[in-house]
Amino acid sequence: MTQTFASFREFYPYYLSEHSNRTCRRLHVVGSGLMLAMLAAIVLGVVSSWWLLSLPVIAYGFAWVGHFGFEKNRPATFTYPLWSFMGDWVMFKDVLTGRIRF
């Protein structure tokens, strides 16, 4: 049964519970970081803008390996695409600021 959430504030604790495995979280952070690095390389003209097509593969590829291989759950992206996207960046920030253990 799918849970319903009235706000992102309600959703985020659920999102974190779906990322309780440390390796899964690490893969999310690595994927997000690599995606940002690739985006910077594109913006700075280091690589062709065709590499924009790789951004979803980089980000979601690492995340899905974390979910299917380590967390053993179905990514929340399939049920809550927008809030999951937001949750990934909030979790990324929380890891970088030390709020969540890397």
N, C-alpha and C. Protein backbone atom coordinates (compact mmCIF):
# COMPACT_ATOMS: atom_id res chain seq x y z
N MET A 1 0.85 -1.18 0.00
CA MET A 1 0.00 0.00 0.00
C MET A 1 0.89 1.25 0.00
N THR A 2 0.57 2.20 -0.83
CA THR A 2 1.35 3.42 -0.95
C THR A 2 0.94 4.41 0.13
N GLN A 3 1.96 4.96 0.80
CA GLN A 3 1.69 5.98 1.80
C GLN A 3 1.41 7.30 1.09
N THR A 4 0.65 8.15 1.73
CA THR A 4 0.42 9.48 1.19
C THR A 4 1.03 10.50 2.14
N PHE A 5 1.56 11.54 1.56
CA PHE A 5 2.21 12.60 2.33
C PHE A 5 1.64 13.93 1.90
N ALA A 6 1.37 14.79 2.87
CA ALA A 6 0.79 16.09 2.57
C ALA A 6 1.86 17.13 2.23
N SER A 7 3.12 16.84 2.58
CA SER A 7 4.18 17.82 2.34
C SER A 7 5.52 17.10 2.23
N PHE A 8 6.50 17.83 1.72
CA PHE A 8 7.84 17.27 1.66
C PHE A 8 8.37 17.05 3.07
N ARG A 9 8.02 17.91 3.98
CA ARG A 9 8.45 17.76 5.38
C ARG A 9 7.99 16.42 5.95
N GLU A 10 6.80 15.98 5.59
CA GLU A 10 6.30 14.67 6.02
C GLU A 10 7.01 13.54 5.26
N PHE A 11 7.33 13.79 4.00
CA PHE A 11 7.93 12.77 3.15
C PHE A 11 9.39 12.48 3.52
N TYR A 12 10.15 13.51 3.89
CA TYR A 12 11.59 13.35 4.05
C TYR A 12 11.98 12.28 5.09
N PRO A 13 11.34 12.18 6.24
CA PRO A 13 11.69 11.08 7.15
C PRO A 13 11.47 9.70 6.52
N TYR A 14 10.42 9.56 5.74
CA TYR A 14 10.20 8.32 5.00
C TYR A 14 11.34 8.08 4.01
N TYR A 15 11.72 9.13 3.29
CA TYR A 15 12.81 9.03 2.32
C TYR A 15 14.08 8.56 3.01
N LEU A 16 14.39 9.14 4.16
CA LEU A 16 15.59 8.72 4.89
C LEU A 16 15.50 7.28 5.35
N SER A 17 14.32 6.84 5.73
CA SER A 17 14.15 5.45 6.16
C SER A 17 14.41 4.48 5.02
N GLU A 18 14.19 4.93 3.79
CA GLU A 18 14.46 4.11 2.62
C GLU A 18 15.93 4.13 2.23
N HIS A 19 16.74 4.87 2.99
CA HIS A 19 18.17 5.00 2.76
C HIS A 19 18.95 4.74 4.05
N SER A 20 18.52 3.75 4.79
CA SER A 20 19.16 3.45 6.07
C SER A 20 20.49 2.72 5.90
N ASN A 21 20.68 2.06 4.76
CA ASN A 21 21.93 1.36 4.49
C ASN A 21 23.01 2.37 4.11
N ARG A 22 24.13 2.33 4.82
CA ARG A 22 25.19 3.31 4.61
C ARG A 22 25.77 3.25 3.19
N THR A 23 25.93 2.07 2.63
CA THR A 23 26.45 1.95 1.27
C THR A 23 25.49 2.56 0.27
N CYS A 24 24.21 2.37 0.47
CA CYS A 24 23.20 2.97 -0.41
C CYS A 24 23.33 4.50 -0.37
N ARG A 25 23.42 5.06 0.84
CA ARG A 25 23.58 6.51 0.97
C ARG A 25 24.85 6.99 0.28
N ARG A 26 25.93 6.25 0.48
CA ARG A 26 27.20 6.63 -0.14
C ARG A 26 27.10 6.62 -1.66
N LEU A 27 26.43 5.62 -2.21
CA LEU A 27 26.27 5.57 -3.66
C LEU A 27 25.43 6.74 -4.16
N HIS A 28 24.42 7.13 -3.40
CA HIS A 28 23.63 8.31 -3.76
C HIS A 28 24.52 9.56 -3.81
N VAL A 29 25.32 9.73 -2.78
CA VAL A 29 26.17 10.91 -2.68
C VAL A 29 27.21 10.91 -3.81
N VAL A 30 27.81 9.77 -4.07
CA VAL A 30 28.79 9.68 -5.16
C VAL A 30 28.12 9.99 -6.50
N GLY A 31 26.97 9.40 -6.75
CA GLY A 31 26.26 9.66 -8.01
C GLY A 31 25.88 11.12 -8.16
N SER A 32 25.38 11.73 -7.10
CA SER A 32 25.01 13.14 -7.16
C SER A 32 26.24 14.02 -7.36
N GLY A 33 27.31 13.69 -6.66
CA GLY A 33 28.54 14.47 -6.81
C GLY A 33 29.13 14.36 -8.21
N LEU A 34 29.15 13.15 -8.75
CA LEU A 34 29.65 12.97 -10.13
C LEU A 34 28.76 13.68 -11.14
N MET A 35 27.46 13.67 -10.89
CA MET A 35 26.55 14.36 -11.78
C MET A 35 26.83 15.86 -11.77
N LEU A 36 27.06 16.42 -10.58
CA LEU A 36 27.38 17.85 -10.48
C LEU A 36 28.71 18.17 -11.17
N ALA A 37 29.68 17.28 -11.00
CA ALA A 37 30.98 17.48 -11.65
C ALA A 37 30.83 17.45 -13.18
N MET A 38 30.04 16.53 -13.68
CA MET A 38 29.81 16.45 -15.12
C MET A 38 29.07 17.70 -15.61
N LEU A 39 28.09 18.13 -14.84
CA LEU A 39 27.35 19.35 -15.22
C LEU A 39 28.30 20.54 -15.28
N ALA A 40 29.20 20.65 -14.32
CA ALA A 40 30.18 21.74 -14.32
C ALA A 40 31.09 21.63 -15.55
N ALA A 41 31.51 20.42 -15.89
CA ALA A 41 32.36 20.23 -17.07
C ALA A 41 31.63 20.64 -18.35
N ILE A 42 30.35 20.38 -18.40
CA ILE A 42 29.54 20.77 -19.57
C ILE A 42 29.43 22.29 -19.64
N VAL A 43 29.08 22.91 -18.51
CA VAL A 43 28.91 24.37 -18.46
C VAL A 43 30.22 25.09 -18.79
N LEU A 44 31.33 24.55 -18.30
CA LEU A 44 32.64 25.17 -18.54
C LEU A 44 33.20 24.87 -19.94
N GLY A 45 32.50 24.03 -20.69
CA GLY A 45 32.92 23.71 -22.04
C GLY A 45 34.04 22.69 -22.12
N VAL A 46 34.30 21.99 -21.03
CA VAL A 46 35.34 20.97 -21.02
C VAL A 46 34.91 19.76 -21.85
N VAL A 47 33.64 19.46 -21.81
CA VAL A 47 33.09 18.36 -22.60
C VAL A 47 31.88 18.87 -23.39
N SER A 48 31.50 18.13 -24.38
CA SER A 48 30.38 18.47 -25.25
C SER A 48 29.06 18.48 -24.47
N SER A 49 28.15 19.31 -24.95
CA SER A 49 26.82 19.35 -24.32
C SER A 49 26.05 18.05 -24.50
N TRP A 50 26.51 17.18 -25.39
CA TRP A 50 25.88 15.87 -25.53
C TRP A 50 25.97 15.07 -24.23
N TRP A 51 26.94 15.40 -23.40
CA TRP A 51 27.09 14.70 -22.12
C TRP A 51 25.93 14.99 -21.17
N LEU A 52 25.09 15.97 -21.50
CA LEU A 52 23.88 16.20 -20.69
C LEU A 52 23.04 14.92 -20.60
N LEU A 53 23.08 14.15 -21.67
CA LEU A 53 22.31 12.90 -21.70
C LEU A 53 22.80 11.90 -20.65
N SER A 54 24.03 12.05 -20.21
CA SER A 54 24.57 11.12 -19.22
C SER A 54 24.15 11.44 -17.80
N LEU A 55 23.67 12.65 -17.55
CA LEU A 55 23.38 13.06 -16.17
C LEU A 55 22.38 12.15 -15.46
N PRO A 56 21.24 11.81 -16.05
CA PRO A 56 20.33 10.90 -15.36
C PRO A 56 20.93 9.51 -15.14
N VAL A 57 21.71 9.06 -16.11
CA VAL A 57 22.33 7.73 -15.99
C VAL A 57 23.31 7.72 -14.83
N ILE A 58 24.10 8.77 -14.71
CA ILE A 58 25.07 8.86 -13.61
C ILE A 58 24.34 8.88 -12.27
N ALA A 59 23.43 9.81 -12.12
CA ALA A 59 22.76 9.98 -10.82
C ALA A 59 21.91 8.76 -10.46
N TYR A 60 21.01 8.37 -11.35
CA TYR A 60 20.11 7.26 -11.02
C TYR A 60 20.83 5.92 -11.05
N GLY A 61 21.85 5.79 -11.87
CA GLY A 61 22.59 4.52 -11.91
C GLY A 61 23.19 4.18 -10.56
N PHE A 62 23.90 5.12 -9.97
CA PHE A 62 24.48 4.87 -8.65
C PHE A 62 23.40 4.64 -7.60
N ALA A 63 22.35 5.45 -7.64
CA ALA A 63 21.29 5.32 -6.65
C ALA A 63 20.59 3.96 -6.75
N TRP A 64 20.31 3.53 -7.95
CA TRP A 64 19.59 2.27 -8.11
C TRP A 64 20.45 1.07 -7.76
N VAL A 65 21.74 1.15 -8.00
CA VAL A 65 22.62 0.07 -7.53
C VAL A 65 22.55 0.01 -6.00
N GLY A 66 22.51 1.16 -5.37
CA GLY A 66 22.39 1.21 -3.91
C GLY A 66 21.10 0.58 -3.42
N HIS A 67 20.00 0.88 -4.08
CA HIS A 67 18.71 0.34 -3.65
C HIS A 67 18.59 -1.16 -3.93
N PHE A 68 18.84 -1.55 -5.14
CA PHE A 68 18.65 -2.96 -5.50
C PHE A 68 19.74 -3.86 -4.93
N GLY A 69 20.97 -3.34 -4.84
CA GLY A 69 22.07 -4.17 -4.39
C GLY A 69 22.32 -4.18 -2.91
N PHE A 70 22.04 -3.08 -2.23
CA PHE A 70 22.40 -2.96 -0.82
C PHE A 70 21.19 -2.71 0.09
N GLU A 71 20.35 -1.78 -0.28
CA GLU A 71 19.19 -1.46 0.56
C GLU A 71 18.11 -2.53 0.42
N LYS A 72 18.09 -3.20 -0.73
CA LYS A 72 17.11 -4.26 -1.02
C LYS A 72 15.67 -3.73 -0.98
N ASN A 73 15.49 -2.56 -1.58
CA ASN A 73 14.15 -2.00 -1.67
C ASN A 73 13.97 -1.35 -3.04
N ARG A 74 12.77 -0.92 -3.29
CA ARG A 74 12.42 -0.28 -4.56
C ARG A 74 12.62 1.22 -4.40
N PRO A 75 13.36 1.86 -5.29
CA PRO A 75 13.58 3.30 -5.15
C PRO A 75 12.27 4.08 -5.06
N ALA A 76 12.24 5.04 -4.15
CA ALA A 76 11.05 5.87 -3.97
C ALA A 76 10.75 6.70 -5.20
N THR A 77 11.72 6.84 -6.09
CA THR A 77 11.53 7.58 -7.34
C THR A 77 10.36 7.04 -8.14
N PHE A 78 10.14 5.74 -8.07
CA PHE A 78 9.08 5.13 -8.86
C PHE A 78 7.69 5.55 -8.38
N THR A 79 7.58 5.86 -7.08
CA THR A 79 6.27 6.23 -6.52
C THR A 79 6.15 7.73 -6.28
N TYR A 80 7.24 8.36 -5.88
CA TYR A 80 7.25 9.79 -5.54
C TYR A 80 8.37 10.49 -6.30
N PRO A 81 8.26 10.64 -7.62
CA PRO A 81 9.39 11.15 -8.40
C PRO A 81 9.89 12.54 -7.99
N LEU A 82 8.99 13.50 -7.82
CA LEU A 82 9.43 14.87 -7.51
C LEU A 82 10.00 14.94 -6.09
N TRP A 83 9.28 14.38 -5.13
CA TRP A 83 9.77 14.45 -3.75
C TRP A 83 11.03 13.63 -3.56
N SER A 84 11.19 12.56 -4.31
CA SER A 84 12.43 11.77 -4.24
C SER A 84 13.60 12.57 -4.80
N PHE A 85 13.36 13.28 -5.89
CA PHE A 85 14.41 14.13 -6.47
C PHE A 85 14.83 15.19 -5.45
N MET A 86 13.84 15.82 -4.83
CA MET A 86 14.13 16.82 -3.80
C MET A 86 14.84 16.18 -2.60
N GLY A 87 14.36 15.00 -2.20
CA GLY A 87 14.95 14.31 -1.06
C GLY A 87 16.41 13.96 -1.30
N ASP A 88 16.74 13.59 -2.53
CA ASP A 88 18.12 13.24 -2.84
C ASP A 88 19.04 14.44 -2.61
N TRP A 89 18.60 15.62 -3.03
CA TRP A 89 19.45 16.80 -2.87
C TRP A 89 19.49 17.27 -1.42
N VAL A 90 18.40 17.12 -0.69
CA VAL A 90 18.43 17.47 0.74
C VAL A 90 19.34 16.49 1.48
N MET A 91 19.25 15.20 1.16
CA MET A 91 20.13 14.21 1.78
C MET A 91 21.59 14.49 1.42
N PHE A 92 21.86 14.86 0.17
CA PHE A 92 23.21 15.21 -0.27
C PHE A 92 23.75 16.35 0.59
N LYS A 93 22.94 17.40 0.77
CA LYS A 93 23.33 18.53 1.60
C LYS A 93 23.53 18.09 3.05
N ASP A 94 22.63 17.26 3.56
CA ASP A 94 22.74 16.79 4.94
C ASP A 94 24.00 15.96 5.17
N VAL A 95 24.40 15.18 4.17
CA VAL A 95 25.65 14.40 4.28
C VAL A 95 26.84 15.36 4.26
N LEU A 96 26.84 16.33 3.33
CA LEU A 96 27.96 17.26 3.22
C LEU A 96 28.12 18.13 4.47
N THR A 97 27.01 18.45 5.11
CA THR A 97 27.08 19.29 6.31
C THR A 97 27.25 18.48 7.60
N GLY A 98 27.28 17.15 7.47
CA GLY A 98 27.50 16.31 8.64
C GLY A 98 26.25 15.96 9.43
N ARG A 99 25.11 16.38 8.95
CA ARG A 99 23.86 16.06 9.64
C ARG A 99 23.53 14.57 9.55
N ILE A 100 23.91 13.97 8.42
CA ILE A 100 23.71 12.54 8.21
C ILE A 100 25.09 11.91 8.01
N ARG A 101 25.29 10.78 8.62
CA ARG A 101 26.58 10.08 8.53
C ARG A 101 26.80 9.55 7.11
N PHE A 102 28.01 9.78 6.61
CA PHE A 102 28.36 9.33 5.26
C PHE A 102 28.77 7.88 5.29
